[in-house]
Protein backbone atom coordinates (compact mmCIF):
# COMPACT_ATOMS: atom_id res chain seq x y z
CA UNK A 1 0.00 0.00 0.00
CA UNK A 2 3.01 2.29 0.29
CA UNK A 3 2.90 2.83 -3.46
CA UNK A 4 -0.52 4.48 -3.12
CA UNK A 5 0.84 7.02 -0.63
CA UNK A 6 3.84 7.61 -2.84
CA UNK A 7 1.57 8.47 -5.77
CA UNK A 8 0.16 11.26 -3.61
CA UNK A 9 3.71 12.36 -2.75
CA UNK A 10 4.61 12.46 -6.46
CA UNK A 11 1.53 14.55 -7.23
CA UNK A 12 2.31 16.93 -4.38
CA UNK A 13 5.99 17.35 -5.27
CA UNK A 14 5.16 17.79 -8.97
CA UNK A 15 2.52 20.41 -8.17
CA UNK A 16 4.93 22.32 -5.93
CA UNK A 17 7.57 22.28 -8.66
CA UNK A 18 5.08 23.43 -11.29
CA UNK A 19 3.82 26.26 -9.09
CA UNK A 20 7.37 27.25 -8.23
CA UNK A 21 8.35 27.35 -11.89
CA UNK A 22 5.56 29.83 -12.51
CA UNK A 23 6.90 32.13 -9.81
CA UNK A 24 10.59 32.04 -10.69
CA UNK A 25 11.05 34.68 -13.37
CA UNK A 26 14.82 34.08 -13.42
CA UNK A 27 14.45 30.66 -15.07
CA UNK A 28 15.45 30.71 -18.70
CA UNK A 29 13.55 28.74 -21.31
CA UNK A 30 16.49 26.33 -21.44
CA UNK A 31 16.32 25.79 -17.67
CA UNK A 32 12.58 25.21 -17.88
CA UNK A 33 13.11 22.69 -20.69
CA UNK A 34 15.79 20.92 -18.65
CA UNK A 35 13.42 20.68 -15.68
CA UNK A 36 10.64 19.22 -17.81
CA UNK A 37 13.05 16.73 -19.40
CA UNK A 38 14.30 15.56 -15.99
CA UNK A 39 10.76 15.11 -14.72
CA UNK A 40 9.70 13.19 -17.82
CA UNK A 41 12.56 10.74 -17.28
CA UNK A 42 11.41 10.15 -13.70
CA UNK A 43 7.83 9.68 -14.88
CA UNK A 44 8.94 7.19 -17.52
CA UNK A 45 10.59 5.09 -14.82
CA UNK A 46 7.50 4.77 -12.66
CA UNK A 47 5.20 4.33 -15.64
CA UNK A 48 7.33 1.41 -16.79
CA UNK A 49 7.20 -0.04 -13.28
CA UNK A 50 3.40 0.30 -13.30
CA UNK A 51 3.21 -1.41 -16.69
CA UNK A 52 5.20 -4.30 -15.21
CA UNK A 53 2.70 -4.56 -12.32
CA UNK A 54 -0.31 -4.59 -14.62
CA UNK A 55 1.23 -7.13 -16.96
CA UNK A 56 1.77 -9.67 -14.16
CA UNK A 57 -0.70 -12.53 -14.39
CA UNK A 58 -1.30 -13.12 -10.68
CA UNK A 59 -0.58 -11.60 -7.27
CA UNK A 60 2.53 -13.71 -6.69
CA UNK A 61 4.06 -12.24 -9.83
CA UNK A 62 2.90 -8.73 -8.95
CA UNK A 63 4.58 -8.53 -5.54
CA UNK A 64 8.14 -8.01 -6.81
CA UNK A 65 6.84 -5.57 -9.41
CA UNK A 66 4.97 -3.64 -6.70
CA UNK A 67 8.21 -3.38 -4.75
CA UNK A 68 9.92 -2.04 -7.86
CA UNK A 69 7.05 0.42 -8.36
CA UNK A 70 7.47 1.61 -4.78
CA UNK A 71 11.19 2.24 -5.37
CA UNK A 72 10.48 4.05 -8.66
CA UNK A 73 7.87 6.29 -7.05
CA UNK A 74 10.13 7.09 -4.08
CA UNK A 75 12.95 7.92 -6.52
CA UNK A 76 10.57 10.15 -8.49
CA UNK A 77 9.55 12.08 -5.38
CA UNK A 78 13.17 12.58 -4.37
CA UNK A 79 14.17 13.43 -7.94
CA UNK A 80 11.45 16.06 -8.26
CA UNK A 81 12.47 17.62 -4.95
CA UNK A 82 16.12 17.59 -6.05
CA UNK A 83 15.27 19.29 -9.35
CA UNK A 84 13.32 21.93 -7.43
CA UNK A 85 16.18 22.51 -5.00
CA UNK A 86 18.77 22.77 -7.82
CA UNK A 87 16.63 25.49 -9.38
CA UNK A 88 15.96 27.38 -6.13
CA UNK A 89 12.31 26.39 -6.11
CA UNK A 90 10.76 25.69 -2.72
CA UNK A 91 9.29 22.21 -2.54
CA UNK A 92 8.89 19.92 0.45
CA UNK A 93 7.96 16.31 0.88
CA UNK A 94 4.62 15.91 2.58
CA UNK A 95 4.24 12.37 3.82
CA UNK A 96 0.70 11.26 3.19
CA UNK A 97 0.50 8.64 5.93
PDB file of N, CA and C in Angstrom:
ATOM      1  N   UNK A   1       0.806  -1.198   0.000  1.00  0.00           N
ATOM      2  CA  UNK A   1       0.000   0.000   0.000  1.00  0.00           C
ATOM      3  C   UNK A   1       0.851   1.264   0.000  1.00  0.00           C
ATOM      4  N   UNK A   2       2.140   1.110   0.262  1.00  0.00           N
ATOM      5  CA  UNK A   2       3.012   2.290   0.286  1.00  0.00           C
ATOM      6  C   UNK A   2       3.028   2.984  -1.068  1.00  0.00           C
ATOM      7  N   UNK A   3       2.864   2.212  -2.129  1.00  0.00           N
ATOM      8  CA  UNK A   3       2.900   2.835  -3.457  1.00  0.00           C
ATOM      9  C   UNK A   3       1.747   3.815  -3.652  1.00  0.00           C
ATOM     10  N   UNK A   4       0.632   3.569  -2.993  1.00  0.00           N
ATOM     11  CA  UNK A   4      -0.517   4.478  -3.116  1.00  0.00           C
ATOM     12  C   UNK A   4      -0.189   5.815  -2.462  1.00  0.00           C
ATOM     13  N   UNK A   5       0.428   5.774  -1.289  1.00  0.00           N
ATOM     14  CA  UNK A   5       0.835   7.020  -0.630  1.00  0.00           C
ATOM     15  C   UNK A   5       1.879   7.753  -1.449  1.00  0.00           C
ATOM     16  N   UNK A   6       2.788   6.987  -2.055  1.00  0.00           N
ATOM     17  CA  UNK A   6       3.843   7.607  -2.844  1.00  0.00           C
ATOM     18  C   UNK A   6       3.291   8.298  -4.088  1.00  0.00           C
ATOM     19  N   UNK A   7       2.206   7.790  -4.641  1.00  0.00           N
ATOM     20  CA  UNK A   7       1.566   8.474  -5.770  1.00  0.00           C
ATOM     21  C   UNK A   7       1.119   9.870  -5.329  1.00  0.00           C
ATOM     22  N   UNK A   8       0.547   9.963  -4.150  1.00  0.00           N
ATOM     23  CA  UNK A   8       0.162  11.264  -3.609  1.00  0.00           C
ATOM     24  C   UNK A   8       1.368  12.163  -3.401  1.00  0.00           C
ATOM     25  N   UNK A   9       2.480  11.585  -2.941  1.00  0.00           N
ATOM     26  CA  UNK A   9       3.711  12.362  -2.754  1.00  0.00           C
ATOM     27  C   UNK A   9       4.237  12.876  -4.089  1.00  0.00           C
ATOM     28  N   UNK A  10       4.168  12.036  -5.122  1.00  0.00           N
ATOM     29  CA  UNK A  10       4.612  12.456  -6.457  1.00  0.00           C
ATOM     30  C   UNK A  10       3.750  13.624  -6.944  1.00  0.00           C
ATOM     31  N   UNK A  11       2.446  13.487  -6.794  1.00  0.00           N
ATOM     32  CA  UNK A  11       1.531  14.550  -7.233  1.00  0.00           C
ATOM     33  C   UNK A  11       1.833  15.846  -6.488  1.00  0.00           C
ATOM     34  N   UNK A  12       2.031  15.749  -5.185  1.00  0.00           N
ATOM     35  CA  UNK A  12       2.314  16.928  -4.376  1.00  0.00           C
ATOM     36  C   UNK A  12       3.629  17.586  -4.781  1.00  0.00           C
ATOM     37  N   UNK A  13       4.681  16.799  -4.901  1.00  0.00           N
ATOM     38  CA  UNK A  13       5.988  17.348  -5.271  1.00  0.00           C
ATOM     39  C   UNK A  13       5.943  17.967  -6.665  1.00  0.00           C
ATOM     40  N   UNK A  14       5.267  17.288  -7.588  1.00  0.00           N
ATOM     41  CA  UNK A  14       5.161  17.791  -8.968  1.00  0.00           C
ATOM     42  C   UNK A  14       4.381  19.104  -9.000  1.00  0.00           C
ATOM     43  N   UNK A  15       3.320  19.186  -8.220  1.00  0.00           N
ATOM     44  CA  UNK A  15       2.519  20.412  -8.169  1.00  0.00           C
ATOM     45  C   UNK A  15       3.334  21.562  -7.588  1.00  0.00           C
ATOM     46  N   UNK A  16       4.095  21.277  -6.523  1.00  0.00           N
ATOM     47  CA  UNK A  16       4.930  22.317  -5.933  1.00  0.00           C
ATOM     48  C   UNK A  16       5.972  22.819  -6.929  1.00  0.00           C
ATOM     49  N   UNK A  17       6.578  21.902  -7.662  1.00  0.00           N
ATOM     50  CA  UNK A  17       7.566  22.280  -8.664  1.00  0.00           C
ATOM     51  C   UNK A  17       6.923  23.121  -9.759  1.00  0.00           C
ATOM     52  N   UNK A  18       5.784  22.691 -10.234  1.00  0.00           N
ATOM     53  CA  UNK A  18       5.082  23.434 -11.293  1.00  0.00           C
ATOM     54  C   UNK A  18       4.719  24.837 -10.841  1.00  0.00           C
ATOM     55  N   UNK A  19       4.182  24.942  -9.632  1.00  0.00           N
ATOM     56  CA  UNK A  19       3.818  26.258  -9.095  1.00  0.00           C
ATOM     57  C   UNK A  19       5.063  27.114  -8.908  1.00  0.00           C
ATOM     58  N   UNK A  20       6.124  26.511  -8.426  1.00  0.00           N
ATOM     59  CA  UNK A  20       7.369  27.247  -8.232  1.00  0.00           C
ATOM     60  C   UNK A  20       7.971  27.731  -9.531  1.00  0.00           C
ATOM     61  N   UNK A  21       7.833  26.937 -10.572  1.00  0.00           N
ATOM     62  CA  UNK A  21       8.353  27.351 -11.886  1.00  0.00           C
ATOM     63  C   UNK A  21       7.606  28.573 -12.400  1.00  0.00           C
ATOM     64  N   UNK A  22       6.345  28.675 -12.065  1.00  0.00           N
ATOM     65  CA  UNK A  22       5.556  29.826 -12.506  1.00  0.00           C
ATOM     66  C   UNK A  22       6.005  31.101 -11.805  1.00  0.00           C
ATOM     67  N   UNK A  23       6.532  30.961 -10.595  1.00  0.00           N
ATOM     68  CA  UNK A  23       6.897  32.128  -9.810  1.00  0.00           C
ATOM     69  C   UNK A  23       8.349  32.551  -9.942  1.00  0.00           C
ATOM     70  N   UNK A  24       9.165  31.723 -10.570  1.00  0.00           N
ATOM     71  CA  UNK A  24      10.586  32.038 -10.685  1.00  0.00           C
ATOM     72  C   UNK A  24      10.846  32.647 -12.059  1.00  0.00           C
ATOM     73  N   UNK A  25      10.864  33.975 -12.090  1.00  0.00           N
ATOM     74  CA  UNK A  25      11.054  34.678 -13.370  1.00  0.00           C
ATOM     75  C   UNK A  25      12.478  34.524 -13.893  1.00  0.00           C
ATOM     76  N   UNK A  26      13.421  34.172 -13.018  1.00  0.00           N
ATOM     77  CA  UNK A  26      14.818  34.076 -13.424  1.00  0.00           C
ATOM     78  C   UNK A  26      15.141  32.804 -14.208  1.00  0.00           C
ATOM     79  N   UNK A  27      14.192  31.892 -14.319  1.00  0.00           N
ATOM     80  CA  UNK A  27      14.449  30.662 -15.067  1.00  0.00           C
ATOM     81  C   UNK A  27      14.399  30.954 -16.566  1.00  0.00           C
ATOM     82  N   UNK A  28      15.440  30.547 -17.249  1.00  0.00           N
ATOM     83  CA  UNK A  28      15.452  30.709 -18.704  1.00  0.00           C
ATOM     84  C   UNK A  28      14.598  29.612 -19.337  1.00  0.00           C
ATOM     85  N   UNK A  29      14.308  29.782 -20.596  1.00  0.00           N
ATOM     86  CA  UNK A  29      13.555  28.737 -21.307  1.00  0.00           C
ATOM     87  C   UNK A  29      14.341  27.436 -21.328  1.00  0.00           C
ATOM     88  N   UNK A  30      15.652  27.530 -21.439  1.00  0.00           N
ATOM     89  CA  UNK A  30      16.488  26.332 -21.435  1.00  0.00           C
ATOM     90  C   UNK A  30      16.413  25.616 -20.085  1.00  0.00           C
ATOM     91  N   UNK A  31      16.445  26.390 -18.999  1.00  0.00           N
ATOM     92  CA  UNK A  31      16.322  25.789 -17.667  1.00  0.00           C
ATOM     93  C   UNK A  31      14.960  25.115 -17.503  1.00  0.00           C
ATOM     94  N   UNK A  32      13.928  25.787 -17.973  1.00  0.00           N
ATOM     95  CA  UNK A  32      12.581  25.205 -17.883  1.00  0.00           C
ATOM     96  C   UNK A  32      12.500  23.902 -18.680  1.00  0.00           C
ATOM     97  N   UNK A  33      13.103  23.905 -19.864  1.00  0.00           N
ATOM     98  CA  UNK A  33      13.106  22.693 -20.693  1.00  0.00           C
ATOM     99  C   UNK A  33      13.886  21.577 -20.003  1.00  0.00           C
ATOM    100  N   UNK A  34      15.003  21.913 -19.368  1.00  0.00           N
ATOM    101  CA  UNK A  34      15.792  20.916 -18.651  1.00  0.00           C
ATOM    102  C   UNK A  34      15.001  20.317 -17.487  1.00  0.00           C
ATOM    103  N   UNK A  35      14.246  21.156 -16.792  1.00  0.00           N
ATOM    104  CA  UNK A  35      13.417  20.680 -15.679  1.00  0.00           C
ATOM    105  C   UNK A  35      12.370  19.700 -16.194  1.00  0.00           C
ATOM    106  N   UNK A  36      11.688  20.086 -17.250  1.00  0.00           N
ATOM    107  CA  UNK A  36      10.645  19.221 -17.813  1.00  0.00           C
ATOM    108  C   UNK A  36      11.244  17.902 -18.281  1.00  0.00           C
ATOM    109  N   UNK A  37      12.403  17.953 -18.925  1.00  0.00           N
ATOM    110  CA  UNK A  37      13.052  16.726 -19.399  1.00  0.00           C
ATOM    111  C   UNK A  37      13.408  15.806 -18.239  1.00  0.00           C
ATOM    112  N   UNK A  38      13.946  16.369 -17.160  1.00  0.00           N
ATOM    113  CA  UNK A  38      14.303  15.565 -15.988  1.00  0.00           C
ATOM    114  C   UNK A  38      13.074  14.911 -15.379  1.00  0.00           C
ATOM    115  N   UNK A  39      11.991  15.645 -15.295  1.00  0.00           N
ATOM    116  CA  UNK A  39      10.764  15.111 -14.718  1.00  0.00           C
ATOM    117  C   UNK A  39      10.182  14.016 -15.597  1.00  0.00           C
ATOM    118  N   UNK A  40      10.231  14.213 -16.907  1.00  0.00           N
ATOM    119  CA  UNK A  40       9.704  13.192 -17.820  1.00  0.00           C
ATOM    120  C   UNK A  40      10.466  11.883 -17.687  1.00  0.00           C
ATOM    121  N   UNK A  41      11.769  11.958 -17.471  1.00  0.00           N
ATOM    122  CA  UNK A  41      12.557  10.736 -17.279  1.00  0.00           C
ATOM    123  C   UNK A  41      12.115  10.006 -16.014  1.00  0.00           C
ATOM    124  N   UNK A  42      11.878  10.757 -14.946  1.00  0.00           N
ATOM    125  CA  UNK A  42      11.407  10.148 -13.700  1.00  0.00           C
ATOM    126  C   UNK A  42      10.036   9.509 -13.898  1.00  0.00           C
ATOM    127  N   UNK A  43       9.168  10.211 -14.616  1.00  0.00           N
ATOM    128  CA  UNK A  43       7.831   9.682 -14.875  1.00  0.00           C
ATOM    129  C   UNK A  43       7.893   8.424 -15.722  1.00  0.00           C
ATOM    130  N   UNK A  44       8.791   8.391 -16.689  1.00  0.00           N
ATOM    131  CA  UNK A  44       8.942   7.191 -17.520  1.00  0.00           C
ATOM    132  C   UNK A  44       9.309   5.981 -16.670  1.00  0.00           C
ATOM    133  N   UNK A  45      10.172   6.192 -15.680  1.00  0.00           N
ATOM    134  CA  UNK A  45      10.594   5.086 -14.820  1.00  0.00           C
ATOM    135  C   UNK A  45       9.426   4.492 -14.047  1.00  0.00           C
ATOM    136  N   UNK A  46       8.593   5.352 -13.438  1.00  0.00           N
ATOM    137  CA  UNK A  46       7.499   4.766 -12.656  1.00  0.00           C
ATOM    138  C   UNK A  46       6.350   4.300 -13.536  1.00  0.00           C
ATOM    139  N   UNK A  47       6.217   4.862 -14.708  1.00  0.00           N
ATOM    140  CA  UNK A  47       5.199   4.334 -15.638  1.00  0.00           C
ATOM    141  C   UNK A  47       5.579   2.938 -16.120  1.00  0.00           C
ATOM    142  N   UNK A  48       6.866   2.730 -16.387  1.00  0.00           N
ATOM    143  CA  UNK A  48       7.329   1.406 -16.788  1.00  0.00           C
ATOM    144  C   UNK A  48       7.121   0.413 -15.647  1.00  0.00           C
ATOM    145  N   UNK A  49       7.411   0.834 -14.434  1.00  0.00           N
ATOM    146  CA  UNK A  49       7.204  -0.044 -13.278  1.00  0.00           C
ATOM    147  C   UNK A  49       5.725  -0.392 -13.132  1.00  0.00           C
ATOM    148  N   UNK A  50       4.845   0.567 -13.378  1.00  0.00           N
ATOM    149  CA  UNK A  50       3.402   0.304 -13.303  1.00  0.00           C
ATOM    150  C   UNK A  50       2.978  -0.665 -14.402  1.00  0.00           C
ATOM    151  N   UNK A  51       3.513  -0.486 -15.590  1.00  0.00           N
ATOM    152  CA  UNK A  51       3.206  -1.414 -16.686  1.00  0.00           C
ATOM    153  C   UNK A  51       3.611  -2.833 -16.321  1.00  0.00           C
ATOM    154  N   UNK A  52       4.752  -2.975 -15.640  1.00  0.00           N
ATOM    155  CA  UNK A  52       5.196  -4.302 -15.206  1.00  0.00           C
ATOM    156  C   UNK A  52       4.211  -4.905 -14.210  1.00  0.00           C
ATOM    157  N   UNK A  53       3.685  -4.083 -13.308  1.00  0.00           N
ATOM    158  CA  UNK A  53       2.702  -4.564 -12.321  1.00  0.00           C
ATOM    159  C   UNK A  53       1.451  -5.048 -13.042  1.00  0.00           C
ATOM    160  N   UNK A  54       0.948  -4.241 -13.961  1.00  0.00           N
ATOM    161  CA  UNK A  54      -0.310  -4.589 -14.621  1.00  0.00           C
ATOM    162  C   UNK A  54      -0.167  -5.756 -15.586  1.00  0.00           C
ATOM    163  N   UNK A  55       1.053  -6.019 -16.035  1.00  0.00           N
ATOM    164  CA  UNK A  55       1.234  -7.134 -16.959  1.00  0.00           C
ATOM    165  C   UNK A  55       1.417  -8.473 -16.238  1.00  0.00           C
ATOM    166  N   UNK A  56       1.626  -8.424 -14.928  1.00  0.00           N
ATOM    167  CA  UNK A  56       1.766  -9.669 -14.165  1.00  0.00           C
ATOM    168  C   UNK A  56       0.421 -10.399 -14.143  1.00  0.00           C
ATOM    169  N   UNK A  57       0.501 -11.707 -14.261  1.00  0.00           N
ATOM    170  CA  UNK A  57      -0.698 -12.531 -14.387  1.00  0.00           C
ATOM    171  C   UNK A  57      -1.418 -12.722 -13.055  1.00  0.00           C
ATOM    172  N   UNK A  58      -0.666 -12.876 -11.974  1.00  0.00           N
ATOM    173  CA  UNK A  58      -1.299 -13.122 -10.676  1.00  0.00           C
ATOM    174  C   UNK A  58      -0.578 -12.337  -9.584  1.00  0.00           C
ATOM    175  N   UNK A  59      -1.117 -12.388  -8.374  1.00  0.00           N
ATOM    176  CA  UNK A  59      -0.580 -11.595  -7.273  1.00  0.00           C
ATOM    177  C   UNK A  59       0.852 -11.995  -6.927  1.00  0.00           C
ATOM    178  N   UNK A  60       1.161 -13.274  -6.998  1.00  0.00           N
ATOM    179  CA  UNK A  60       2.525 -13.711  -6.688  1.00  0.00           C
ATOM    180  C   UNK A  60       3.535 -13.051  -7.618  1.00  0.00           C
ATOM    181  N   UNK A  61       3.163 -12.894  -8.866  1.00  0.00           N
ATOM    182  CA  UNK A  61       4.055 -12.244  -9.831  1.00  0.00           C
ATOM    183  C   UNK A  61       4.056 -10.729  -9.648  1.00  0.00           C
ATOM    184  N   UNK A  62       2.985 -10.187  -9.114  1.00  0.00           N
ATOM    185  CA  UNK A  62       2.902  -8.730  -8.952  1.00  0.00           C
ATOM    186  C   UNK A  62       3.727  -8.213  -7.784  1.00  0.00           C
ATOM    187  N   UNK A  63       3.911  -9.010  -6.748  1.00  0.00           N
ATOM    188  CA  UNK A  63       4.575  -8.528  -5.538  1.00  0.00           C
ATOM    189  C   UNK A  63       5.961  -7.939  -5.832  1.00  0.00           C
ATOM    190  N   UNK A  64       6.838  -8.646  -6.550  1.00  0.00           N
ATOM    191  CA  UNK A  64       8.141  -8.011  -6.808  1.00  0.00           C
ATOM    192  C   UNK A  64       8.019  -6.758  -7.674  1.00  0.00           C
ATOM    193  N   UNK A  65       7.042  -6.753  -8.563  1.00  0.00           N
ATOM    194  CA  UNK A  65       6.841  -5.569  -9.407  1.00  0.00           C
ATOM    195  C   UNK A  65       6.292  -4.405  -8.585  1.00  0.00           C
ATOM    196  N   UNK A  66       5.462  -4.692  -7.590  1.00  0.00           N
ATOM    197  CA  UNK A  66       4.968  -3.641  -6.703  1.00  0.00           C
ATOM    198  C   UNK A  66       6.114  -3.033  -5.891  1.00  0.00           C
ATOM    199  N   UNK A  67       7.050  -3.877  -5.482  1.00  0.00           N
ATOM    200  CA  UNK A  67       8.211  -3.378  -4.749  1.00  0.00           C
ATOM    201  C   UNK A  67       9.052  -2.473  -5.653  1.00  0.00           C
ATOM    202  N   UNK A  68       9.191  -2.860  -6.908  1.00  0.00           N
ATOM    203  CA  UNK A  68       9.922  -2.036  -7.860  1.00  0.00           C
ATOM    204  C   UNK A  68       9.180  -0.722  -8.109  1.00  0.00           C
ATOM    205  N   UNK A  69       7.861  -0.785  -8.194  1.00  0.00           N
ATOM    206  CA  UNK A  69       7.052   0.425  -8.365  1.00  0.00           C
ATOM    207  C   UNK A  69       7.249   1.359  -7.173  1.00  0.00           C
ATOM    208  N   UNK A  70       7.263   0.798  -5.981  1.00  0.00           N
ATOM    209  CA  UNK A  70       7.470   1.612  -4.780  1.00  0.00           C
ATOM    210  C   UNK A  70       8.821   2.329  -4.850  1.00  0.00           C
ATOM    211  N   UNK A  71       9.855   1.620  -5.252  1.00  0.00           N
ATOM    212  CA  UNK A  71      11.185   2.237  -5.370  1.00  0.00           C
ATOM    213  C   UNK A  71      11.186   3.330  -6.440  1.00  0.00           C
ATOM    214  N   UNK A  72      10.526   3.064  -7.573  1.00  0.00           N
ATOM    215  CA  UNK A  72      10.480   4.046  -8.662  1.00  0.00           C
ATOM    216  C   UNK A  72       9.724   5.306  -8.246  1.00  0.00           C
ATOM    217  N   UNK A  73       8.633   5.131  -7.519  1.00  0.00           N
ATOM    218  CA  UNK A  73       7.866   6.287  -7.048  1.00  0.00           C
ATOM    219  C   UNK A  73       8.656   7.092  -6.011  1.00  0.00           C
ATOM    220  N   UNK A  74       9.317   6.397  -5.090  1.00  0.00           N
ATOM    221  CA  UNK A  74      10.131   7.092  -4.084  1.00  0.00           C
ATOM    222  C   UNK A  74      11.268   7.856  -4.760  1.00  0.00           C
ATOM    223  N   UNK A  75      11.880   7.247  -5.780  1.00  0.00           N
ATOM    224  CA  UNK A  75      12.947   7.923  -6.517  1.00  0.00           C
ATOM    225  C   UNK A  75      12.399   9.134  -7.268  1.00  0.00           C
ATOM    226  N   UNK A  76      11.189   9.024  -7.778  1.00  0.00           N
ATOM    227  CA  UNK A  76      10.568  10.148  -8.486  1.00  0.00           C
ATOM    228  C   UNK A  76      10.319  11.307  -7.538  1.00  0.00           C
ATOM    229  N   UNK A  77       9.801  11.012  -6.360  1.00  0.00           N
ATOM    230  CA  UNK A  77       9.554  12.078  -5.376  1.00  0.00           C
ATOM    231  C   UNK A  77      10.871  12.774  -5.047  1.00  0.00           C
ATOM    232  N   UNK A  78      11.880  11.983  -4.722  1.00  0.00           N
ATOM    233  CA  UNK A  78      13.174  12.577  -4.367  1.00  0.00           C
ATOM    234  C   UNK A  78      13.770  13.325  -5.554  1.00  0.00           C
ATOM    235  N   UNK A  79      13.646  12.775  -6.743  1.00  0.00           N
ATOM    236  CA  UNK A  79      14.166  13.431  -7.941  1.00  0.00           C
ATOM    237  C   UNK A  79      13.490  14.761  -8.213  1.00  0.00           C
ATOM    238  N   UNK A  80      12.196  14.803  -8.052  1.00  0.00           N
ATOM    239  CA  UNK A  80      11.453  16.057  -8.263  1.00  0.00           C
ATOM    240  C   UNK A  80      11.893  17.101  -7.241  1.00  0.00           C
ATOM    241  N   UNK A  81      12.026  16.689  -5.996  1.00  0.00           N
ATOM    242  CA  UNK A  81      12.471  17.619  -4.953  1.00  0.00           C
ATOM    243  C   UNK A  81      13.896  18.099  -5.214  1.00  0.00           C
ATOM    244  N   UNK A  82      14.748  17.204  -5.713  1.00  0.00           N
ATOM    245  CA  UNK A  82      16.121  17.595  -6.052  1.00  0.00           C
ATOM    246  C   UNK A  82      16.135  18.611  -7.188  1.00  0.00           C
ATOM    247  N   UNK A  83      15.352  18.360  -8.221  1.00  0.00           N
ATOM    248  CA  UNK A  83      15.272  19.290  -9.348  1.00  0.00           C
ATOM    249  C   UNK A  83      14.799  20.660  -8.855  1.00  0.00           C
ATOM    250  N   UNK A  84      13.812  20.663  -7.981  1.00  0.00           N
ATOM    251  CA  UNK A  84      13.317  21.928  -7.432  1.00  0.00           C
ATOM    252  C   UNK A  84      14.438  22.645  -6.673  1.00  0.00           C
ATOM    253  N   UNK A  85      15.119  21.911  -5.812  1.00  0.00           N
ATOM    254  CA  UNK A  85      16.183  22.511  -4.999  1.00  0.00           C
ATOM    255  C   UNK A  85      17.290  23.073  -5.882  1.00  0.00           C
ATOM    256  N   UNK A  86      17.705  22.317  -6.919  1.00  0.00           N
ATOM    257  CA  UNK A  86      18.771  22.767  -7.818  1.00  0.00           C
ATOM    258  C   UNK A  86      18.396  24.055  -8.552  1.00  0.00           C
ATOM    259  N   UNK A  87      17.103  24.303  -8.665  1.00  0.00           N
ATOM    260  CA  UNK A  87      16.630  25.487  -9.378  1.00  0.00           C
ATOM    261  C   UNK A  87      16.059  26.540  -8.439  1.00  0.00           C
ATOM    262  N   UNK A  88      16.402  26.421  -7.158  1.00  0.00           N
ATOM    263  CA  UNK A  88      15.960  27.379  -6.132  1.00  0.00           C
ATOM    264  C   UNK A  88      14.444  27.528  -6.069  1.00  0.00           C
ATOM    265  N   UNK A  89      13.759  26.416  -6.211  1.00  0.00           N
ATOM    266  CA  UNK A  89      12.307  26.389  -6.107  1.00  0.00           C
ATOM    267  C   UNK A  89      11.961  25.667  -4.810  1.00  0.00           C
ATOM    268  N   UNK A  90      11.137  26.292  -4.005  1.00  0.00           N
ATOM    269  CA  UNK A  90      10.763  25.695  -2.725  1.00  0.00           C
ATOM    270  C   UNK A  90       9.784  24.545  -2.956  1.00  0.00           C
ATOM    271  N   UNK A  91      10.162  23.386  -2.484  1.00  0.00           N
ATOM    272  CA  UNK A  91       9.291  22.211  -2.539  1.00  0.00           C
ATOM    273  C   UNK A  91       9.669  21.316  -1.366  1.00  0.00           C
ATOM    274  N   UNK A  92       8.674  20.774  -0.711  1.00  0.00           N
ATOM    275  CA  UNK A  92       8.892  19.917   0.449  1.00  0.00           C
ATOM    276  C   UNK A  92       8.134  18.628   0.270  1.00  0.00           C
ATOM    277  N   UNK A  93       8.646  17.600   0.904  1.00  0.00           N
ATOM    278  CA  UNK A  93       7.962  16.313   0.881  1.00  0.00           C
ATOM    279  C   UNK A  93       6.934  16.291   1.994  1.00  0.00           C
ATOM    280  N   UNK A  94       5.705  16.069   1.613  1.00  0.00           N
ATOM    281  CA  UNK A  94       4.623  15.914   2.577  1.00  0.00           C
ATOM    282  C   UNK A  94       4.271  14.441   2.600  1.00  0.00           C
ATOM    283  N   UNK A  95       4.538  13.803   3.711  1.00  0.00           N
ATOM    284  CA  UNK A  95       4.245  12.370   3.816  1.00  0.00           C
ATOM    285  C   UNK A  95       2.755  12.195   4.028  1.00  0.00           C
ATOM    286  N   UNK A  96       2.136  11.486   3.110  1.00  0.00           N
ATOM    287  CA  UNK A  96       0.697  11.262   3.195  1.00  0.00           C
ATOM    288  C   UNK A  96       0.422   9.936   3.878  1.00  0.00           C
ATOM    289  N   UNK A  97       0.705   9.881   5.165  1.00  0.00           N
ATOM    290  CA  UNK A  97       0.498   8.639   5.933  1.00  0.00           C
ATOM    291  C   UNK A  97      -0.864   8.636   6.587  1.00  0.00           C
TER     292      UNK A  97
END
